[in-house]
Protein backbone atom coordinates (compact mmCIF):
# COMPACT_ATOMS: atom_id res chain seq x y z
CA MET A 1 -20.85 -51.23 -56.28
CA PHE A 2 -21.77 -49.17 -53.20
CA GLU A 3 -24.88 -47.05 -52.97
CA LEU A 4 -24.16 -43.34 -52.69
CA GLN A 5 -27.50 -42.02 -53.93
CA HIS A 6 -28.55 -38.81 -52.17
CA LYS A 7 -25.01 -38.30 -50.84
CA THR A 8 -22.92 -35.23 -51.54
CA ALA A 9 -19.14 -35.57 -51.73
CA LEU A 10 -16.30 -33.07 -51.86
CA VAL A 11 -13.10 -34.33 -53.50
CA THR A 12 -10.16 -31.96 -53.23
CA GLY A 13 -7.42 -31.80 -55.84
CA ALA A 14 -9.77 -33.49 -58.29
CA GLY A 15 -8.88 -31.54 -61.39
CA GLN A 16 -6.60 -34.31 -62.59
CA GLY A 17 -4.97 -37.64 -61.76
CA VAL A 18 -6.08 -39.64 -58.74
CA GLY A 19 -8.56 -36.99 -57.62
CA ALA A 20 -10.34 -36.99 -60.97
CA GLY A 21 -10.58 -40.77 -60.84
CA ILE A 22 -12.04 -40.67 -57.34
CA ALA A 23 -14.55 -37.96 -58.25
CA GLY A 24 -15.71 -39.85 -61.32
CA LEU A 25 -16.22 -43.11 -59.49
CA LEU A 26 -18.11 -41.54 -56.58
CA ALA A 27 -20.40 -39.87 -59.12
CA GLU A 28 -20.96 -43.20 -60.88
CA GLN A 29 -22.20 -44.60 -57.57
CA GLY A 30 -24.83 -41.86 -57.36
CA ALA A 31 -23.20 -39.06 -55.36
CA LEU A 32 -23.37 -35.40 -56.26
CA VAL A 33 -19.66 -34.57 -56.42
CA ALA A 34 -18.10 -31.17 -55.80
CA VAL A 35 -14.89 -31.19 -57.82
CA ASN A 36 -12.28 -29.05 -56.12
CA ASP A 37 -8.99 -27.84 -57.53
CA VAL A 38 -6.87 -24.74 -56.97
CA ASP A 39 -7.14 -24.27 -60.76
CA ALA A 40 -10.74 -23.37 -61.66
CA GLU A 41 -10.38 -24.52 -65.26
CA ARG A 42 -9.16 -27.96 -64.22
CA ALA A 43 -12.01 -28.29 -61.72
CA GLU A 44 -14.59 -27.40 -64.35
CA ALA A 45 -13.05 -29.73 -66.94
CA THR A 46 -13.34 -32.71 -64.58
CA ALA A 47 -16.86 -31.73 -63.52
CA ALA A 48 -17.91 -31.34 -67.17
CA LYS A 49 -16.51 -34.77 -68.05
CA ILE A 50 -18.52 -36.33 -65.22
CA ARG A 51 -21.69 -34.55 -66.31
CA ASP A 52 -21.13 -35.59 -69.93
CA ALA A 53 -21.10 -39.19 -68.70
CA GLY A 54 -24.56 -38.64 -67.21
CA TYR A 55 -23.65 -38.11 -63.56
CA LEU A 56 -23.83 -35.21 -61.09
CA ALA A 57 -20.90 -32.88 -60.54
CA LYS A 58 -20.17 -29.22 -59.86
CA ALA A 59 -16.84 -27.42 -59.90
CA LEU A 60 -15.79 -25.91 -56.57
CA PRO A 61 -12.38 -24.25 -56.93
CA PHE A 62 -10.48 -23.06 -53.87
CA ASP A 63 -7.04 -23.32 -52.29
CA VAL A 64 -7.04 -25.93 -49.52
CA THR A 65 -4.21 -24.10 -47.75
CA ASP A 66 -6.39 -21.01 -47.22
CA TYR A 67 -8.77 -21.67 -44.33
CA GLU A 68 -11.01 -18.69 -45.13
CA GLN A 69 -11.38 -19.79 -48.75
CA VAL A 70 -12.18 -23.33 -47.69
CA THR A 71 -14.84 -22.39 -45.15
CA ALA A 72 -16.48 -19.85 -47.46
CA ALA A 73 -16.65 -22.30 -50.37
CA VAL A 74 -18.04 -25.13 -48.25
CA ALA A 75 -20.67 -22.87 -46.69
CA ALA A 76 -21.72 -21.46 -50.08
CA PHE A 77 -22.09 -24.94 -51.56
CA ALA A 78 -24.17 -26.09 -48.61
CA ARG A 79 -26.54 -23.13 -49.08
CA LYS A 80 -26.93 -23.53 -52.83
CA ALA A 81 -26.84 -27.31 -53.22
CA SER A 82 -26.32 -29.55 -50.20
CA PRO A 83 -24.10 -29.96 -47.14
CA PHE A 84 -21.37 -32.54 -47.53
CA ASP A 85 -21.81 -36.14 -46.43
CA VAL A 86 -18.37 -37.20 -47.69
CA LEU A 87 -15.00 -35.45 -47.76
CA VAL A 88 -12.09 -36.93 -49.67
CA ASN A 89 -8.87 -35.06 -48.87
CA ASN A 90 -6.95 -35.84 -52.03
CA ALA A 91 -5.16 -32.52 -52.66
CA GLY A 92 -1.45 -32.94 -52.15
CA ASN A 93 1.92 -32.00 -53.50
CA ALA A 94 5.55 -32.96 -53.36
CA GLY A 95 6.83 -29.43 -52.79
CA SER A 96 6.91 -27.23 -55.87
CA GLY A 97 7.36 -28.25 -59.47
CA ALA A 98 8.40 -31.76 -60.44
CA PHE A 99 9.23 -34.05 -57.54
CA ARG A 100 12.96 -34.15 -56.98
CA PRO A 101 14.12 -36.16 -53.97
CA LYS A 102 16.25 -34.11 -51.59
CA PRO A 103 17.82 -35.17 -48.29
CA PHE A 104 16.56 -33.25 -45.27
CA ARG A 105 20.00 -31.83 -44.53
CA ALA A 106 19.94 -30.08 -47.93
CA SER A 107 16.53 -28.48 -47.32
CA GLU A 108 15.60 -25.09 -45.89
CA PRO A 109 12.67 -24.15 -43.62
CA GLU A 110 10.78 -22.35 -46.40
CA GLU A 111 10.66 -25.63 -48.30
CA TRP A 112 9.12 -27.46 -45.36
CA ARG A 113 6.01 -25.30 -45.49
CA ARG A 114 5.37 -26.16 -49.14
CA PHE A 115 4.85 -29.75 -48.05
CA THR A 116 2.95 -29.23 -44.80
CA ASP A 117 0.64 -26.46 -46.06
CA VAL A 118 -1.08 -28.76 -48.56
CA ASN A 119 -0.52 -32.27 -47.28
CA LEU A 120 -1.26 -31.61 -43.60
CA PHE A 121 -2.90 -28.23 -43.04
CA GLY A 122 -5.02 -28.64 -46.18
CA VAL A 123 -6.48 -31.81 -44.66
CA MET A 124 -7.18 -30.06 -41.37
CA ASN A 125 -8.73 -27.00 -43.05
CA CYS A 126 -11.18 -29.10 -45.03
CA ALA A 127 -12.07 -31.39 -42.14
CA LYS A 128 -12.78 -28.38 -39.94
CA ALA A 129 -15.04 -26.88 -42.61
CA VAL A 130 -17.31 -29.93 -42.96
CA ILE A 131 -17.27 -31.55 -39.56
CA GLU A 132 -19.89 -29.47 -37.75
CA GLY A 133 -22.41 -30.04 -40.51
CA MET A 134 -21.74 -33.77 -40.45
CA SER A 135 -22.06 -33.82 -36.67
CA SER A 136 -25.39 -32.00 -36.73
CA ARG A 137 -26.79 -34.66 -39.10
CA GLY A 138 -25.20 -37.57 -37.22
CA HIS A 139 -23.42 -38.94 -40.28
CA GLY A 140 -20.23 -38.30 -42.21
CA ARG A 141 -17.29 -39.86 -43.98
CA ILE A 142 -13.84 -38.27 -44.02
CA ILE A 143 -11.21 -39.98 -46.17
CA THR A 144 -7.65 -38.75 -46.62
CA ILE A 145 -5.34 -39.84 -49.41
CA ALA A 146 -1.85 -40.18 -47.97
CA SER A 147 1.18 -42.24 -48.94
CA GLY A 148 2.99 -45.34 -47.81
CA SER A 149 6.00 -43.09 -47.25
CA GLY A 150 4.16 -41.62 -44.27
CA VAL A 151 4.25 -45.03 -42.58
CA VAL A 152 7.45 -46.77 -43.67
CA GLY A 153 10.85 -45.61 -44.88
CA GLN A 154 10.86 -46.29 -48.62
CA ALA A 155 13.42 -44.03 -50.28
CA ILE A 156 16.12 -41.49 -49.57
CA GLY A 157 15.17 -37.87 -50.15
CA VAL A 158 11.44 -37.92 -49.34
CA SER A 159 11.63 -37.01 -45.66
CA LEU A 160 9.76 -33.69 -46.03
CA TYR A 161 6.92 -35.25 -48.01
CA ALA A 162 6.79 -38.26 -45.67
CA ALA A 163 6.65 -36.03 -42.59
CA ALA A 164 3.63 -34.13 -43.92
CA LYS A 165 1.83 -37.31 -44.97
CA GLY A 166 2.67 -38.99 -41.67
CA GLY A 167 1.21 -36.03 -39.83
CA ALA A 168 -2.02 -36.34 -41.81
CA ILE A 169 -2.21 -40.05 -40.99
CA ALA A 170 -1.81 -39.37 -37.27
CA PHE A 171 -4.38 -36.58 -37.40
CA MET A 172 -6.94 -38.87 -39.02
CA ARG A 173 -6.47 -41.60 -36.43
CA HIS A 174 -7.23 -39.22 -33.59
CA LEU A 175 -10.04 -37.46 -35.45
CA ALA A 176 -11.68 -40.87 -35.82
CA LEU A 177 -11.66 -41.36 -32.06
CA GLU A 178 -13.09 -37.90 -31.41
CA MET A 179 -15.96 -38.22 -33.89
CA ALA A 180 -16.89 -41.92 -33.72
CA SER A 181 -19.80 -41.41 -31.33
CA GLU A 182 -21.35 -38.85 -33.70
CA GLY A 183 -21.63 -41.15 -36.71
CA ILE A 184 -18.55 -39.78 -38.48
CA THR A 185 -15.82 -42.11 -39.67
CA ALA A 186 -12.29 -41.01 -40.56
CA ASN A 187 -9.95 -43.25 -42.54
CA THR A 188 -6.75 -42.88 -44.53
CA ILE A 189 -5.64 -44.51 -47.77
CA ALA A 190 -1.87 -44.89 -48.00
CA LEU A 191 -1.27 -45.02 -51.74
CA GLY A 192 1.51 -46.89 -53.44
CA MET A 193 2.76 -46.27 -56.97
CA ILE A 194 0.08 -44.80 -59.22
CA ASP A 195 0.93 -44.82 -62.94
CA PRO A 196 1.92 -41.21 -63.82
CA ALA A 197 2.04 -41.64 -67.60
CA THR A 198 1.40 -44.11 -70.38
CA SER A 199 4.01 -43.22 -72.97
CA GLY A 200 7.69 -42.47 -73.48
CA ARG A 201 10.54 -42.61 -70.98
CA VAL A 202 8.25 -42.29 -67.94
CA ALA A 203 6.22 -45.30 -69.07
CA ASN A 204 9.41 -47.37 -69.39
CA HIS A 205 10.45 -46.34 -65.89
CA THR A 206 6.98 -47.19 -64.59
CA LYS A 207 7.18 -50.61 -66.23
CA LYS A 208 10.36 -51.32 -64.27
CA LEU A 209 8.67 -50.21 -61.05
CA ALA A 210 5.64 -52.38 -61.79
CA ALA A 211 7.87 -55.43 -62.08
CA ARG A 212 8.72 -55.02 -58.38
CA ILE A 213 5.06 -54.85 -57.29
CA PRO A 214 3.66 -58.28 -56.33
CA VAL A 215 0.45 -57.94 -58.38
CA GLY A 216 2.53 -56.96 -61.40
CA ARG A 217 1.19 -53.51 -62.15
CA THR A 218 1.08 -49.97 -60.86
CA GLY A 219 -2.15 -48.56 -59.52
CA ALA A 220 -4.75 -46.53 -61.39
CA PRO A 221 -6.89 -43.62 -60.17
CA GLU A 222 -9.92 -45.90 -60.34
CA ASP A 223 -8.32 -48.24 -57.78
CA ALA A 224 -8.32 -45.38 -55.30
CA GLY A 225 -11.83 -44.42 -56.36
CA ALA A 226 -13.20 -47.91 -55.68
CA LEU A 227 -11.80 -47.93 -52.14
CA CYS A 228 -13.14 -44.43 -51.52
CA ALA A 229 -16.58 -45.51 -52.71
CA PHE A 230 -16.57 -48.33 -50.17
CA LEU A 231 -15.34 -46.17 -47.30
CA ALA A 232 -17.94 -43.51 -48.17
CA SER A 233 -20.79 -46.02 -48.11
CA ASP A 234 -23.06 -47.13 -45.31
CA GLN A 235 -21.49 -50.59 -45.58
CA ALA A 236 -18.26 -49.16 -44.11
CA SER A 237 -19.86 -47.71 -40.98
CA TRP A 238 -17.78 -49.93 -38.64
CA ILE A 239 -14.45 -48.98 -40.20
CA THR A 240 -12.80 -45.92 -38.69
CA GLY A 241 -9.37 -44.79 -37.57
CA GLN A 242 -7.70 -47.07 -40.11
CA THR A 243 -4.80 -46.56 -42.50
CA ILE A 244 -5.44 -48.84 -45.47
CA HIS A 245 -2.49 -49.58 -47.73
CA LEU A 246 -3.43 -49.60 -51.41
CA ASN A 247 -0.24 -50.65 -53.16
CA GLY A 248 -0.57 -53.99 -54.91
CA GLY A 249 1.23 -55.75 -52.09
CA SER A 250 4.44 -53.73 -52.26
CA TYR A 251 4.17 -53.08 -48.50
CA THR A 252 2.21 -55.21 -46.03
CA SER A 253 1.70 -54.86 -42.29
């Protein structure tokens, strides 16, 4: 697909779901992938699965909301293995526990931080940790996984999540302008509906959602991985500051 040999990539929140799909596909294209997750066991499980498939991966657990943890982990990895050429900011959450839509007027300030700490400050922490190394080598790719809700109003009750994702999108646009002259690109993927399950009641609900998507299906982690592989490659060197909607046509602009 796209040549990532001799590149080193950090994928945050890659212990499961979309992040695991992204990490696996970047590794298939030749990158050494550092699999991050706040849960060390999940990070190692994904890394082991990638290695079992014959590719390169190492677990790198840390909490993206803790700047000191992030910088220490990134620096240690650079010393022992390689500095990062690619950062994929995938770690995110919808608050705490299962996602339950809630109107803003029913929320409290302590809830706001649960969204912004991961979805916005986590992105900034990781970008800060890798950007000087990328700048010194004159090359880097920063990719952030956001959501269409950060761009367009889609549903009632997701204002907190959308605000955090929208902040990350704005941050990436301006980071792209700051770093373009140093060979670093910064782009955002605004994800649509990714299939959360394949059985039972959730699968039936997903089937109904898929019927409203123009291409007729929900997305898969590998769809996000393929776009990340392109954006991480040398072929994408003239693409920066963009928010790319990956949603099967459910929102176009």
